[in-house]
Amino acid sequence: PALEGRQRVPAVAEKIGLSQVLQEPLFSLSHGFRQ
């Protein structure tokens, strides 16, 4: 469900170290962040 995703995505981003780039377009990311 979309609601579950809106709760889950920030938690996963924090775990993987992506919180600071959640609003960044994917094309702008370094190779490490893309992985």
PDB file of all heavy atoms in Angstrom:
ATOM      1  N   PRO A   1       0.822  -1.221   0.000  1.00  0.00           N
ATOM      2  CA  PRO A   1       0.000   0.000   0.000  1.00  0.00           C
ATOM      3  C   PRO A   1       0.852   1.265   0.000  1.00  0.00           C
ATOM      4  O   PRO A   1       1.939   1.304   0.579  1.00  0.00           O
ATOM      5  CB  PRO A   1      -0.806  -0.118   1.299  1.00  0.00           C
ATOM      6  CG  PRO A   1      -0.762  -1.567   1.663  1.00  0.00           C
ATOM      7  CD  PRO A   1       0.547  -2.081   1.163  1.00  0.00           C
ATOM      8  N   ALA A   2       0.321   2.321  -0.648  1.00  0.00           N
ATOM      9  CA  ALA A   2       1.037   3.594  -0.737  1.00  0.00           C
ATOM     10  C   ALA A   2       1.309   4.178   0.646  1.00  0.00           C
ATOM     11  O   ALA A   2       2.405   4.707   0.905  1.00  0.00           O
ATOM     12  CB  ALA A   2       0.244   4.583  -1.585  1.00  0.00           C
ATOM     13  N   LEU A   3       0.342   4.070   1.568  1.00  0.00           N
ATOM     14  CA  LEU A   3       0.528   4.603   2.907  1.00  0.00           C
ATOM     15  C   LEU A   3       1.664   3.894   3.624  1.00  0.00           C
ATOM     16  O   LEU A   3       2.487   4.526   4.295  1.00  0.00           O
ATOM     17  CB  LEU A   3      -0.768   4.461   3.717  1.00  0.00           C
ATOM     18  CG  LEU A   3      -0.701   4.932   5.181  1.00  0.00           C
ATOM     19  CD1 LEU A   3      -0.324   6.415   5.250  1.00  0.00           C
ATOM     20  CD2 LEU A   3      -2.026   4.675   5.888  1.00  0.00           C
ATOM     21  N   GLU A   4       1.743   2.596   3.461  1.00  0.00           N
ATOM     22  CA  GLU A   4       2.834   1.836   4.080  1.00  0.00           C
ATOM     23  C   GLU A   4       4.175   2.288   3.519  1.00  0.00           C
ATOM     24  O   GLU A   4       5.165   2.394   4.241  1.00  0.00           O
ATOM     25  CB  GLU A   4       2.633   0.341   3.836  1.00  0.00           C
ATOM     26  CG  GLU A   4       3.679  -0.536   4.506  1.00  0.00           C
ATOM     27  CD  GLU A   4       3.475  -2.016   4.228  1.00  0.00           C
ATOM     28  OE1 GLU A   4       2.411  -2.382   3.691  1.00  0.00           O
ATOM     29  OE2 GLU A   4       4.387  -2.812   4.541  1.00  0.00           O
ATOM     30  N   GLY A   5       4.198   2.574   2.200  1.00  0.00           N
ATOM     31  CA  GLY A   5       5.427   3.044   1.583  1.00  0.00           C
ATOM     32  C   GLY A   5       5.886   4.373   2.144  1.00  0.00           C
ATOM     33  O   GLY A   5       7.075   4.584   2.382  1.00  0.00           O
ATOM     34  N   ARG A   6       4.934   5.287   2.373  1.00  0.00           N
ATOM     35  CA  ARG A   6       5.313   6.606   2.901  1.00  0.00           C
ATOM     36  C   ARG A   6       5.889   6.511   4.304  1.00  0.00           C
ATOM     37  O   ARG A   6       6.663   7.379   4.726  1.00  0.00           O
ATOM     38  CB  ARG A   6       4.093   7.533   2.871  1.00  0.00           C
ATOM     39  CG  ARG A   6       3.736   8.013   1.453  1.00  0.00           C
ATOM     40  CD  ARG A   6       2.723   9.142   1.487  1.00  0.00           C
ATOM     41  NE  ARG A   6       1.392   8.669   1.849  1.00  0.00           N
ATOM     42  CZ  ARG A   6       0.490   8.229   0.973  1.00  0.00           C
ATOM     43  NH1 ARG A   6       0.800   8.162  -0.322  1.00  0.00           N
ATOM     44  NH2 ARG A   6      -0.706   7.830   1.368  1.00  0.00           N
ATOM     45  N   GLN A   7       5.536   5.451   5.022  1.00  0.00           N
ATOM     46  CA  GLN A   7       6.109   5.227   6.348  1.00  0.00           C
ATOM     47  C   GLN A   7       7.430   4.458   6.264  1.00  0.00           C
ATOM     48  O   GLN A   7       8.365   4.710   7.025  1.00  0.00           O
ATOM     49  CB  GLN A   7       5.112   4.449   7.211  1.00  0.00           C
ATOM     50  CG  GLN A   7       3.822   5.202   7.485  1.00  0.00           C
ATOM     51  CD  GLN A   7       2.777   4.339   8.159  1.00  0.00           C
ATOM     52  OE1 GLN A   7       2.856   3.108   8.141  1.00  0.00           O
ATOM     53  NE2 GLN A   7       1.770   4.977   8.756  1.00  0.00           N
ATOM     54  N   ARG A   8       7.486   3.551   5.315  1.00  0.00           N
ATOM     55  CA  ARG A   8       8.631   2.649   5.210  1.00  0.00           C
ATOM     56  C   ARG A   8       9.841   3.316   4.544  1.00  0.00           C
ATOM     57  O   ARG A   8      10.979   3.103   4.957  1.00  0.00           O
ATOM     58  CB  ARG A   8       8.204   1.404   4.428  1.00  0.00           C
ATOM     59  CG  ARG A   8       9.293   0.426   4.095  1.00  0.00           C
ATOM     60  CD  ARG A   8       9.618  -0.478   5.237  1.00  0.00           C
ATOM     61  NE  ARG A   8      10.614  -1.456   4.821  1.00  0.00           N
ATOM     62  CZ  ARG A   8      11.511  -1.996   5.630  1.00  0.00           C
ATOM     63  NH1 ARG A   8      11.526  -1.661   6.907  1.00  0.00           N
ATOM     64  NH2 ARG A   8      12.370  -2.868   5.186  1.00  0.00           N
ATOM     65  N   VAL A   9       9.609   4.123   3.512  1.00  0.00           N
ATOM     66  CA  VAL A   9      10.714   4.700   2.742  1.00  0.00           C
ATOM     67  C   VAL A   9      11.656   5.522   3.618  1.00  0.00           C
ATOM     68  O   VAL A   9      12.882   5.334   3.545  1.00  0.00           O
ATOM     69  CB  VAL A   9      10.168   5.534   1.565  1.00  0.00           C
ATOM     70  CG1 VAL A   9      11.267   6.421   0.976  1.00  0.00           C
ATOM     71  CG2 VAL A   9       9.608   4.603   0.488  1.00  0.00           C
ATOM     72  N   PRO A  10      11.185   6.451   4.482  1.00  0.00           N
ATOM     73  CA  PRO A  10      12.132   7.199   5.317  1.00  0.00           C
ATOM     74  C   PRO A  10      12.949   6.302   6.248  1.00  0.00           C
ATOM     75  O   PRO A  10      14.130   6.573   6.478  1.00  0.00           O
ATOM     76  CB  PRO A  10      11.218   8.142   6.120  1.00  0.00           C
ATOM     77  CG  PRO A  10       9.979   8.273   5.296  1.00  0.00           C
ATOM     78  CD  PRO A  10       9.795   6.940   4.668  1.00  0.00           C
ATOM     79  N   ALA A  11      12.326   5.236   6.765  1.00  0.00           N
ATOM     80  CA  ALA A  11      13.051   4.330   7.661  1.00  0.00           C
ATOM     81  C   ALA A  11      14.156   3.594   6.919  1.00  0.00           C
ATOM     82  O   ALA A  11      15.285   3.445   7.427  1.00  0.00           O
ATOM     83  CB  ALA A  11      12.072   3.337   8.290  1.00  0.00           C
ATOM     84  N   VAL A  12      13.853   3.120   5.712  1.00  0.00           N
ATOM     85  CA  VAL A  12      14.866   2.418   4.910  1.00  0.00           C
ATOM     86  C   VAL A  12      15.970   3.385   4.496  1.00  0.00           C
ATOM     87  O   VAL A  12      17.152   3.044   4.534  1.00  0.00           O
ATOM     88  CB  VAL A  12      14.215   1.767   3.668  1.00  0.00           C
ATOM     89  CG1 VAL A  12      15.278   1.243   2.711  1.00  0.00           C
ATOM     90  CG2 VAL A  12      13.283   0.643   4.093  1.00  0.00           C
ATOM     91  N   ALA A  13      15.591   4.607   4.122  1.00  0.00           N
ATOM     92  CA  ALA A  13      16.579   5.601   3.723  1.00  0.00           C
ATOM     93  C   ALA A  13      17.558   5.891   4.853  1.00  0.00           C
ATOM     94  O   ALA A  13      18.768   6.014   4.634  1.00  0.00           O
ATOM     95  CB  ALA A  13      15.884   6.881   3.281  1.00  0.00           C
ATOM     96  N   GLU A  14      17.053   5.987   6.063  1.00  0.00           N
ATOM     97  CA  GLU A  14      17.935   6.231   7.212  1.00  0.00           C
ATOM     98  C   GLU A  14      18.866   5.054   7.444  1.00  0.00           C
ATOM     99  O   GLU A  14      20.058   5.224   7.708  1.00  0.00           O
ATOM    100  CB  GLU A  14      17.093   6.493   8.460  1.00  0.00           C
ATOM    101  CG  GLU A  14      17.931   6.821   9.683  1.00  0.00           C
ATOM    102  CD  GLU A  14      17.085   7.168  10.900  1.00  0.00           C
ATOM    103  OE1 GLU A  14      15.835   7.200  10.771  1.00  0.00           O
ATOM    104  OE2 GLU A  14      17.670   7.399  11.966  1.00  0.00           O
ATOM    105  N   LYS A  15      18.331   3.848   7.311  1.00  0.00           N
ATOM    106  CA  LYS A  15      19.139   2.647   7.531  1.00  0.00           C
ATOM    107  C   LYS A  15      20.259   2.525   6.502  1.00  0.00           C
ATOM    108  O   LYS A  15      21.389   2.133   6.831  1.00  0.00           O
ATOM    109  CB  LYS A  15      18.240   1.409   7.465  1.00  0.00           C
ATOM    110  CG  LYS A  15      18.969   0.093   7.683  1.00  0.00           C
ATOM    111  CD  LYS A  15      17.998  -1.075   7.705  1.00  0.00           C
ATOM    112  CE  LYS A  15      18.720  -2.391   7.983  1.00  0.00           C
ATOM    113  NZ  LYS A  15      17.772  -3.535   8.027  1.00  0.00           N
ATOM    114  N   ILE A  16      19.980   2.874   5.255  1.00  0.00           N
ATOM    115  CA  ILE A  16      20.946   2.707   4.173  1.00  0.00           C
ATOM    116  C   ILE A  16      21.821   3.948   3.997  1.00  0.00           C
ATOM    117  O   ILE A  16      22.787   3.946   3.240  1.00  0.00           O
ATOM    118  CB  ILE A  16      20.206   2.379   2.853  1.00  0.00           C
ATOM    119  CG1 ILE A  16      19.334   1.134   3.030  1.00  0.00           C
ATOM    120  CG2 ILE A  16      21.166   2.130   1.700  1.00  0.00           C
ATOM    121  CD1 ILE A  16      20.109  -0.112   3.377  1.00  0.00           C
ATOM    122  N   GLY A  17      21.516   5.028   4.705  1.00  0.00           N
ATOM    123  CA  GLY A  17      22.315   6.240   4.597  1.00  0.00           C
ATOM    124  C   GLY A  17      21.931   7.117   3.426  1.00  0.00           C
ATOM    125  O   GLY A  17      22.795   7.723   2.767  1.00  0.00           O
ATOM    126  N   LEU A  18      20.614   7.222   3.158  1.00  0.00           N
ATOM    127  CA  LEU A  18      20.125   7.999   2.031  1.00  0.00           C
ATOM    128  C   LEU A  18      19.267   9.188   2.444  1.00  0.00           C
ATOM    129  O   LEU A  18      18.730   9.891   1.579  1.00  0.00           O
ATOM    130  CB  LEU A  18      19.306   7.101   1.089  1.00  0.00           C
ATOM    131  CG  LEU A  18      20.059   5.991   0.354  1.00  0.00           C
ATOM    132  CD1 LEU A  18      19.078   5.064  -0.346  1.00  0.00           C
ATOM    133  CD2 LEU A  18      21.041   6.587  -0.650  1.00  0.00           C
ATOM    134  N   SER A  19      19.097   9.411   3.729  1.00  0.00           N
ATOM    135  CA  SER A  19      18.170  10.445   4.189  1.00  0.00           C
ATOM    136  C   SER A  19      18.483  11.811   3.596  1.00  0.00           C
ATOM    137  O   SER A  19      17.580  12.578   3.246  1.00  0.00           O
ATOM    138  CB  SER A  19      18.198  10.532   5.723  1.00  0.00           C
ATOM    139  OG  SER A  19      17.749   9.320   6.304  1.00  0.00           O
ATOM    140  N   GLN A  20      19.780  12.114   3.435  1.00  0.00           N
ATOM    141  CA  GLN A  20      20.159  13.446   2.960  1.00  0.00           C
ATOM    142  C   GLN A  20      19.940  13.622   1.461  1.00  0.00           C
ATOM    143  O   GLN A  20      20.047  14.752   0.952  1.00  0.00           O
ATOM    144  CB  GLN A  20      21.625  13.744   3.307  1.00  0.00           C
ATOM    145  CG  GLN A  20      22.652  12.934   2.533  1.00  0.00           C
ATOM    146  CD  GLN A  20      22.984  11.616   3.217  1.00  0.00           C
ATOM    147  OE1 GLN A  20      22.122  10.970   3.802  1.00  0.00           O
ATOM    148  NE2 GLN A  20      24.243  11.222   3.127  1.00  0.00           N
ATOM    149  N   VAL A  21      19.632  12.544   0.728  1.00  0.00           N
ATOM    150  CA  VAL A  21      19.473  12.677  -0.727  1.00  0.00           C
ATOM    151  C   VAL A  21      18.080  12.253  -1.183  1.00  0.00           C
ATOM    152  O   VAL A  21      17.861  12.068  -2.376  1.00  0.00           O
ATOM    153  CB  VAL A  21      20.546  11.852  -1.484  1.00  0.00           C
ATOM    154  CG1 VAL A  21      21.935  12.384  -1.189  1.00  0.00           C
ATOM    155  CG2 VAL A  21      20.441  10.368  -1.162  1.00  0.00           C
ATOM    156  N   LEU A  22      17.120  12.125  -0.274  1.00  0.00           N
ATOM    157  CA  LEU A  22      15.790  11.658  -0.644  1.00  0.00           C
ATOM    158  C   LEU A  22      15.129  12.563  -1.687  1.00  0.00           C
ATOM    159  O   LEU A  22      14.331  12.081  -2.514  1.00  0.00           O
ATOM    160  CB  LEU A  22      14.894  11.566   0.595  1.00  0.00           C
ATOM    161  CG  LEU A  22      14.958  10.262   1.395  1.00  0.00           C
ATOM    162  CD1 LEU A  22      14.079  10.351   2.624  1.00  0.00           C
ATOM    163  CD2 LEU A  22      14.555   9.078   0.538  1.00  0.00           C
ATOM    164  N   GLN A  23      15.429  13.841  -1.680  1.00  0.00           N
ATOM    165  CA  GLN A  23      14.810  14.768  -2.619  1.00  0.00           C
ATOM    166  C   GLN A  23      15.680  15.025  -3.852  1.00  0.00           C
ATOM    167  O   GLN A  23      15.315  15.825  -4.707  1.00  0.00           O
ATOM    168  CB  GLN A  23      14.505  16.094  -1.917  1.00  0.00           C
ATOM    169  CG  GLN A  23      13.576  15.972  -0.727  1.00  0.00           C
ATOM    170  CD  GLN A  23      12.257  15.293  -1.091  1.00  0.00           C
ATOM    171  OE1 GLN A  23      11.659  15.598  -2.139  1.00  0.00           O
ATOM    172  NE2 GLN A  23      11.803  14.375  -0.255  1.00  0.00           N
ATOM    173  N   GLU A  24      16.801  14.327  -3.952  1.00  0.00           N
ATOM    174  CA  GLU A  24      17.705  14.533  -5.083  1.00  0.00           C
ATOM    175  C   GLU A  24      17.302  13.653  -6.263  1.00  0.00           C
ATOM    176  O   GLU A  24      16.876  12.505  -6.081  1.00  0.00           O
ATOM    177  CB  GLU A  24      19.147  14.209  -4.692  1.00  0.00           C
ATOM    178  CG  GLU A  24      19.707  15.058  -3.576  1.00  0.00           C
ATOM    179  CD  GLU A  24      19.811  16.518  -3.970  1.00  0.00           C
ATOM    180  OE1 GLU A  24      20.110  16.789  -5.153  1.00  0.00           O
ATOM    181  OE2 GLU A  24      19.570  17.377  -3.103  1.00  0.00           O
ATOM    182  N   PRO A  25      17.438  14.142  -7.498  1.00  0.00           N
ATOM    183  CA  PRO A  25      17.186  13.282  -8.665  1.00  0.00           C
ATOM    184  C   PRO A  25      18.276  12.222  -8.789  1.00  0.00           C
ATOM    185  O   PRO A  25      19.447  12.478  -8.467  1.00  0.00           O
ATOM    186  CB  PRO A  25      17.228  14.271  -9.835  1.00  0.00           C
ATOM    187  CG  PRO A  25      18.021  15.429  -9.348  1.00  0.00           C
ATOM    188  CD  PRO A  25      17.779  15.527  -7.869  1.00  0.00           C
ATOM    189  N   LEU A  26      17.883  11.070  -9.253  1.00  0.00           N
ATOM    190  CA  LEU A  26      18.820   9.951  -9.310  1.00  0.00           C
ATOM    191  C   LEU A  26      20.008  10.234 -10.217  1.00  0.00           C
ATOM    192  O   LEU A  26      21.121   9.771  -9.958  1.00  0.00           O
ATOM    193  CB  LEU A  26      18.097   8.687  -9.766  1.00  0.00           C
ATOM    194  CG  LEU A  26      17.180   8.053  -8.706  1.00  0.00           C
ATOM    195  CD1 LEU A  26      16.223   7.059  -9.331  1.00  0.00           C
ATOM    196  CD2 LEU A  26      18.012   7.376  -7.625  1.00  0.00           C
ATOM    197  N   PHE A  27      19.793  11.005 -11.304  1.00  0.00           N
ATOM    198  CA  PHE A  27      20.903  11.244 -12.231  1.00  0.00           C
ATOM    199  C   PHE A  27      22.024  12.037 -11.586  1.00  0.00           C
ATOM    200  O   PHE A  27      23.169  12.023 -12.059  1.00  0.00           O
ATOM    201  CB  PHE A  27      20.407  11.970 -13.498  1.00  0.00           C
ATOM    202  CG  PHE A  27      20.008  13.399 -13.295  1.00  0.00           C
ATOM    203  CD1 PHE A  27      20.952  14.415 -13.215  1.00  0.00           C
ATOM    204  CD2 PHE A  27      18.657  13.730 -13.177  1.00  0.00           C
ATOM    205  CE1 PHE A  27      20.562  15.732 -13.020  1.00  0.00           C
ATOM    206  CE2 PHE A  27      18.270  15.051 -12.985  1.00  0.00           C
ATOM    207  CZ  PHE A  27      19.215  16.057 -12.907  1.00  0.00           C
ATOM    208  N   SER A  28      21.734  12.735 -10.485  1.00  0.00           N
ATOM    209  CA  SER A  28      22.749  13.585  -9.847  1.00  0.00           C
ATOM    210  C   SER A  28      23.600  12.832  -8.832  1.00  0.00           C
ATOM    211  O   SER A  28      24.555  13.395  -8.306  1.00  0.00           O
ATOM    212  CB  SER A  28      22.067  14.770  -9.164  1.00  0.00           C
ATOM    213  OG  SER A  28      21.330  14.337  -8.014  1.00  0.00           O
ATOM    214  N   LEU A  29      23.277  11.586  -8.549  1.00  0.00           N
ATOM    215  CA  LEU A  29      23.961  10.842  -7.488  1.00  0.00           C
ATOM    216  C   LEU A  29      25.288  10.258  -7.957  1.00  0.00           C
ATOM    217  O   LEU A  29      25.451   9.893  -9.125  1.00  0.00           O
ATOM    218  CB  LEU A  29      23.075   9.706  -6.981  1.00  0.00           C
ATOM    219  CG  LEU A  29      21.731  10.082  -6.365  1.00  0.00           C
ATOM    220  CD1 LEU A  29      21.042   8.837  -5.839  1.00  0.00           C
ATOM    221  CD2 LEU A  29      21.898  11.120  -5.264  1.00  0.00           C
ATOM    222  N   SER A  30      26.220  10.139  -7.016  1.00  0.00           N
ATOM    223  CA  SER A  30      27.474   9.442  -7.285  1.00  0.00           C
ATOM    224  C   SER A  30      27.214   7.947  -7.428  1.00  0.00           C
ATOM    225  O   SER A  30      26.135   7.443  -7.077  1.00  0.00           O
ATOM    226  CB  SER A  30      28.456   9.673  -6.135  1.00  0.00           C
ATOM    227  OG  SER A  30      27.981   9.033  -4.958  1.00  0.00           O
ATOM    228  N   HIS A  31      28.211   7.234  -7.923  1.00  0.00           N
ATOM    229  CA  HIS A  31      28.060   5.783  -8.106  1.00  0.00           C
ATOM    230  C   HIS A  31      27.783   5.086  -6.775  1.00  0.00           C
ATOM    231  O   HIS A  31      26.958   4.170  -6.699  1.00  0.00           O
ATOM    232  CB  HIS A  31      29.327   5.206  -8.742  1.00  0.00           C
ATOM    233  CG  HIS A  31      29.254   3.736  -9.006  1.00  0.00           C
ATOM    234  ND1 HIS A  31      28.387   3.176  -9.920  1.00  0.00           N
ATOM    235  CD2 HIS A  31      29.916   2.691  -8.429  1.00  0.00           C
ATOM    236  CE1 HIS A  31      28.535   1.856  -9.927  1.00  0.00           C
ATOM    237  NE2 HIS A  31      29.457   1.547  -9.031  1.00  0.00           N
ATOM    238  N   GLY A  32      28.456   5.544  -5.722  1.00  0.00           N
ATOM    239  CA  GLY A  32      28.245   4.928  -4.415  1.00  0.00           C
ATOM    240  C   GLY A  32      26.821   5.082  -3.918  1.00  0.00           C
ATOM    241  O   GLY A  32      26.212   4.137  -3.406  1.00  0.00           O
ATOM    242  N   PHE A  33      26.261   6.284  -4.087  1.00  0.00           N
ATOM    243  CA  PHE A  33      24.878   6.510  -3.668  1.00  0.00           C
ATOM    244  C   PHE A  33      23.904   5.728  -4.555  1.00  0.00           C
ATOM    245  O   PHE A  33      22.867   5.264  -4.093  1.00  0.00           O
ATOM    246  CB  PHE A  33      24.540   8.001  -3.684  1.00  0.00           C
ATOM    247  CG  PHE A  33      24.842   8.702  -2.392  1.00  0.00           C
ATOM    248  CD1 PHE A  33      25.817   9.685  -2.318  1.00  0.00           C
ATOM    249  CD2 PHE A  33      24.150   8.370  -1.228  1.00  0.00           C
ATOM    250  CE1 PHE A  33      26.094  10.329  -1.125  1.00  0.00           C
ATOM    251  CE2 PHE A  33      24.420   9.014  -0.031  1.00  0.00           C
ATOM    252  CZ  PHE A  33      25.390   9.994   0.025  1.00  0.00           C
ATOM    253  N   ARG A  34      24.212   5.580  -5.826  1.00  0.00           N
ATOM    254  CA  ARG A  34      23.346   4.804  -6.709  1.00  0.00           C
ATOM    255  C   ARG A  34      23.294   3.342  -6.261  1.00  0.00           C
ATOM    256  O   ARG A  34      22.238   2.707  -6.297  1.00  0.00           O
ATOM    257  CB  ARG A  34      23.812   4.916  -8.155  1.00  0.00           C
ATOM    258  CG  ARG A  34      23.619   6.311  -8.750  1.00  0.00           C
ATOM    259  CD  ARG A  34      24.236   6.431 -10.134  1.00  0.00           C
ATOM    260  NE  ARG A  34      23.486   5.664 -11.116  1.00  0.00           N
ATOM    261  CZ  ARG A  34      22.443   6.116 -11.786  1.00  0.00           C
ATOM    262  NH1 ARG A  34      22.000   7.353 -11.577  1.00  0.00           N
ATOM    263  NH2 ARG A  34      21.834   5.369 -12.681  1.00  0.00           N
ATOM    264  N   GLN A  35      24.440   2.821  -5.814  1.00  0.00           N
ATOM    265  CA  GLN A  35      24.452   1.450  -5.301  1.00  0.00           C
ATOM    266  C   GLN A  35      23.609   1.342  -4.027  1.00  0.00           C
ATOM    267  O   GLN A  35      22.908   0.351  -3.809  1.00  0.00           O
ATOM    268  CB  GLN A  35      25.890   1.005  -5.016  1.00  0.00           C
ATOM    269  CG  GLN A  35      26.730   0.741  -6.252  1.00  0.00           C
ATOM    270  CD  GLN A  35      26.247  -0.466  -7.044  1.00  0.00           C
ATOM    271  OE1 GLN A  35      25.476  -0.342  -7.994  1.00  0.00           O
ATOM    272  NE2 GLN A  35      26.690  -1.640  -6.650  1.00  0.00           N
TER     273      GLN A  35
END
